[in-house]
Amino acid sequence: MGYLIVPLIFGIMSVPDPTLTPARLADFARLQKALGQEVYVTDANGQERRLKLVDADDLEVTFSTGAQSIVMPRDAVFTVDRARDSTLDGTLKGAAIGLIMGLLVASELPESQGTLVASAVISYGTVGYLLDRANTSRQPLYRVRPAPSGGSTPPPSPVRPLLRIRW
């Protein structure tokens, strides 16, 4: 039964952060933790750029392209994402868990002479790599808060269907 705990740990590691609510993502102060990092910025026109985040305050944010600085007001920024970490940490975490599991199992089977430990390190390291690779994407830092709905229903479409089927 103890061998099922490791897949459970990997499953927990692969679950996205449930605390990233729209209200939390709309907080411009979240950009402070990404200062000096490369981020992906989508402006209000839908244009996406990869820039270095230099400074952020409540009203505007400053990016650098290397040769020039770009200052954007808060209203012009639609989304800011940063690339997640590389797959190396997932491989190392998996290998560490594999080492622990391999040592636990090898203590019960002394005739394995370390091959069990090596195979556990390789297999769990591979699983950690694959899980990290599957989850390596962009981490949202800022999203414009969606506009509240007016509560009314949209008007009916003036387009009429070409074919109506009745039963």
Protein backbone atom coordinates (compact mmCIF):
# COMPACT_ATOMS: atom_id res chain seq x y z
CA MET A 1 0.00 0.00 0.00
CA GLY A 2 2.93 2.35 0.64
CA TYR A 3 3.91 2.25 -3.04
CA LEU A 4 0.72 4.13 -3.92
CA ILE A 5 1.86 7.22 -2.01
CA VAL A 6 4.40 8.20 -4.68
CA PRO A 7 1.91 8.43 -7.56
CA LEU A 8 -0.31 10.42 -5.21
CA ILE A 9 2.56 12.87 -4.59
CA PHE A 10 3.12 13.22 -8.34
CA GLY A 11 -0.61 13.77 -8.82
CA ILE A 12 -0.66 16.53 -6.23
CA MET A 13 2.38 18.16 -7.84
CA SER A 14 0.62 18.27 -11.22
CA VAL A 15 -2.57 19.98 -10.00
CA PRO A 16 -2.75 23.67 -10.99
CA ASP A 17 -2.94 26.32 -8.31
CA PRO A 18 -6.60 26.58 -7.24
CA THR A 19 -6.05 29.96 -5.58
CA LEU A 20 -5.59 31.78 -8.90
CA THR A 21 -9.03 33.32 -8.98
CA PRO A 22 -9.90 36.14 -11.42
CA ALA A 23 -9.86 38.63 -8.54
CA ARG A 24 -6.37 37.55 -7.49
CA LEU A 25 -5.05 37.58 -11.05
CA ALA A 26 -6.39 41.13 -11.51
CA ASP A 27 -4.02 42.36 -8.78
CA PHE A 28 -1.27 44.39 -10.48
CA ALA A 29 0.97 43.96 -7.40
CA ARG A 30 1.54 40.31 -8.41
CA LEU A 31 3.98 41.60 -11.04
CA GLN A 32 6.46 42.53 -8.29
CA LYS A 33 7.54 38.91 -7.89
CA ALA A 34 8.62 38.71 -11.54
CA LEU A 35 10.87 41.77 -11.67
CA GLY A 36 13.93 41.12 -13.79
CA GLN A 37 12.38 38.10 -15.53
CA GLU A 38 11.29 37.55 -19.12
CA VAL A 39 7.52 37.73 -19.42
CA TYR A 40 4.94 37.47 -22.18
CA VAL A 41 2.81 40.61 -22.39
CA THR A 42 -0.42 40.90 -24.33
CA ASP A 43 -1.61 44.45 -24.77
CA ALA A 44 -5.19 45.65 -25.22
CA ASN A 45 -4.82 45.34 -29.01
CA GLY A 46 -4.03 41.64 -28.74
CA GLN A 47 -0.36 41.97 -29.66
CA GLU A 48 1.89 39.65 -27.65
CA ARG A 49 5.52 40.48 -26.90
CA ARG A 50 8.28 38.77 -24.98
CA LEU A 51 9.87 41.44 -22.77
CA LYS A 52 11.91 41.80 -19.61
CA LEU A 53 9.91 43.17 -16.67
CA VAL A 54 11.82 46.09 -15.17
CA ASP A 55 9.37 47.87 -12.86
CA ALA A 56 5.71 47.74 -11.90
CA ASP A 57 3.55 49.95 -9.72
CA ASP A 58 -0.18 50.51 -9.35
CA LEU A 59 -0.56 52.68 -12.45
CA GLU A 60 2.00 51.49 -15.00
CA VAL A 61 4.53 48.84 -15.82
CA THR A 62 7.97 49.18 -17.42
CA PHE A 63 9.47 46.59 -19.75
CA SER A 64 12.82 46.41 -21.50
CA THR A 65 13.61 45.02 -24.93
CA GLY A 66 17.34 45.37 -24.36
CA ALA A 67 17.80 48.54 -26.38
CA GLN A 68 14.76 50.49 -25.23
CA SER A 69 12.31 50.71 -22.38
CA ILE A 70 8.57 50.46 -22.85
CA VAL A 71 6.25 52.04 -20.30
CA MET A 72 2.67 50.83 -20.51
CA PRO A 73 -0.24 52.17 -18.46
CA ARG A 74 -2.27 49.61 -16.55
CA ASP A 75 -5.22 49.95 -18.93
CA ALA A 76 -3.04 48.96 -21.90
CA VAL A 77 -1.92 45.66 -20.36
CA PHE A 78 -4.31 42.75 -20.93
CA THR A 79 -2.25 39.76 -19.70
CA VAL A 80 1.21 39.09 -18.30
CA ASP A 81 2.57 35.54 -18.16
CA ARG A 82 5.96 34.13 -17.38
CA ALA A 83 7.45 30.90 -18.58
CA ARG A 84 7.53 28.18 -15.98
CA ASP A 85 10.74 26.56 -14.88
CA SER A 86 12.60 23.98 -16.93
CA THR A 87 11.98 20.26 -16.73
CA LEU A 88 15.20 19.74 -14.77
CA ASP A 89 13.55 20.27 -11.39
CA GLY A 90 10.81 17.72 -12.18
CA THR A 91 13.46 15.20 -13.13
CA LEU A 92 15.40 15.85 -9.93
CA LYS A 93 12.26 15.62 -7.76
CA GLY A 94 11.29 12.36 -9.44
CA ALA A 95 14.79 10.95 -9.03
CA ALA A 96 14.82 11.92 -5.34
CA ILE A 97 11.48 10.22 -4.76
CA GLY A 98 12.74 7.21 -6.73
CA LEU A 99 15.86 7.07 -4.58
CA ILE A 100 13.78 7.05 -1.40
CA MET A 101 11.39 4.43 -2.76
CA GLY A 102 14.27 2.33 -4.11
CA LEU A 103 16.08 2.40 -0.77
CA LEU A 104 12.89 1.45 1.09
CA VAL A 105 12.23 -1.50 -1.21
CA ALA A 106 15.90 -2.54 -1.37
CA SER A 107 16.03 -2.78 2.41
CA GLU A 108 13.39 -5.50 2.14
CA LEU A 109 15.15 -7.25 -0.77
CA PRO A 110 18.91 -7.31 -0.02
CA GLU A 111 19.65 -9.58 -3.00
CA SER A 112 18.87 -6.76 -5.47
CA GLN A 113 22.39 -5.27 -4.93
CA GLY A 114 21.46 -1.74 -5.96
CA THR A 115 19.85 -2.51 -9.29
CA LEU A 116 16.46 -1.90 -7.76
CA VAL A 117 17.55 1.51 -6.48
CA ALA A 118 19.01 2.48 -9.87
CA SER A 119 15.90 1.39 -11.75
CA ALA A 120 13.66 3.26 -9.28
CA VAL A 121 15.73 6.44 -9.68
CA ILE A 122 15.61 6.19 -13.48
CA SER A 123 11.93 5.35 -13.70
CA TYR A 124 10.71 7.94 -11.19
CA GLY A 125 13.06 10.55 -12.67
CA THR A 126 11.48 9.84 -16.06
CA VAL A 127 7.98 10.14 -14.61
CA GLY A 128 8.95 13.45 -12.96
CA TYR A 129 10.35 14.71 -16.26
CA LEU A 130 7.20 13.72 -18.16
CA LEU A 131 4.88 15.33 -15.60
CA ASP A 132 6.93 18.52 -15.57
CA ARG A 133 7.08 18.53 -19.36
CA ALA A 134 3.29 18.17 -19.54
CA ASN A 135 2.83 21.08 -17.10
CA THR A 136 5.55 23.33 -18.49
CA SER A 137 3.64 26.24 -19.88
CA ARG A 138 3.08 29.81 -18.94
CA GLN A 139 2.28 30.86 -15.43
CA PRO A 140 -0.30 33.65 -15.33
CA LEU A 141 0.78 36.70 -13.35
CA TYR A 142 -1.86 39.24 -14.34
CA ARG A 143 -5.19 39.13 -16.15
CA VAL A 144 -7.59 41.98 -16.72
CA ARG A 145 -10.69 41.45 -14.65
CA PRO A 146 -13.56 40.52 -16.94
CA ALA A 147 -16.23 43.16 -17.31
CA PRO A 148 -19.30 42.44 -15.21
CA SER A 149 -22.29 41.31 -17.19
CA GLY A 150 -25.25 43.64 -17.35
CA GLY A 151 -27.64 40.90 -16.35
CA SER A 152 -29.70 41.39 -19.48
CA THR A 153 -29.93 38.90 -22.29
CA PRO A 154 -28.52 39.86 -25.68
CA PRO A 155 -31.01 40.73 -28.39
CA PRO A 156 -32.05 37.88 -30.68
CA SER A 157 -30.01 37.37 -33.79
CA PRO A 158 -31.54 38.76 -37.00
CA VAL A 159 -30.21 35.75 -38.90
CA ARG A 160 -32.87 33.11 -39.58
CA PRO A 161 -32.00 29.45 -39.97
CA LEU A 162 -32.05 28.04 -43.49
CA LEU A 163 -33.47 24.72 -42.42
CA ARG A 164 -35.87 24.00 -39.61
CA ILE A 165 -36.54 20.44 -38.53
CA ARG A 166 -39.72 19.61 -36.64
CA TRP A 167 -40.46 16.32 -34.96
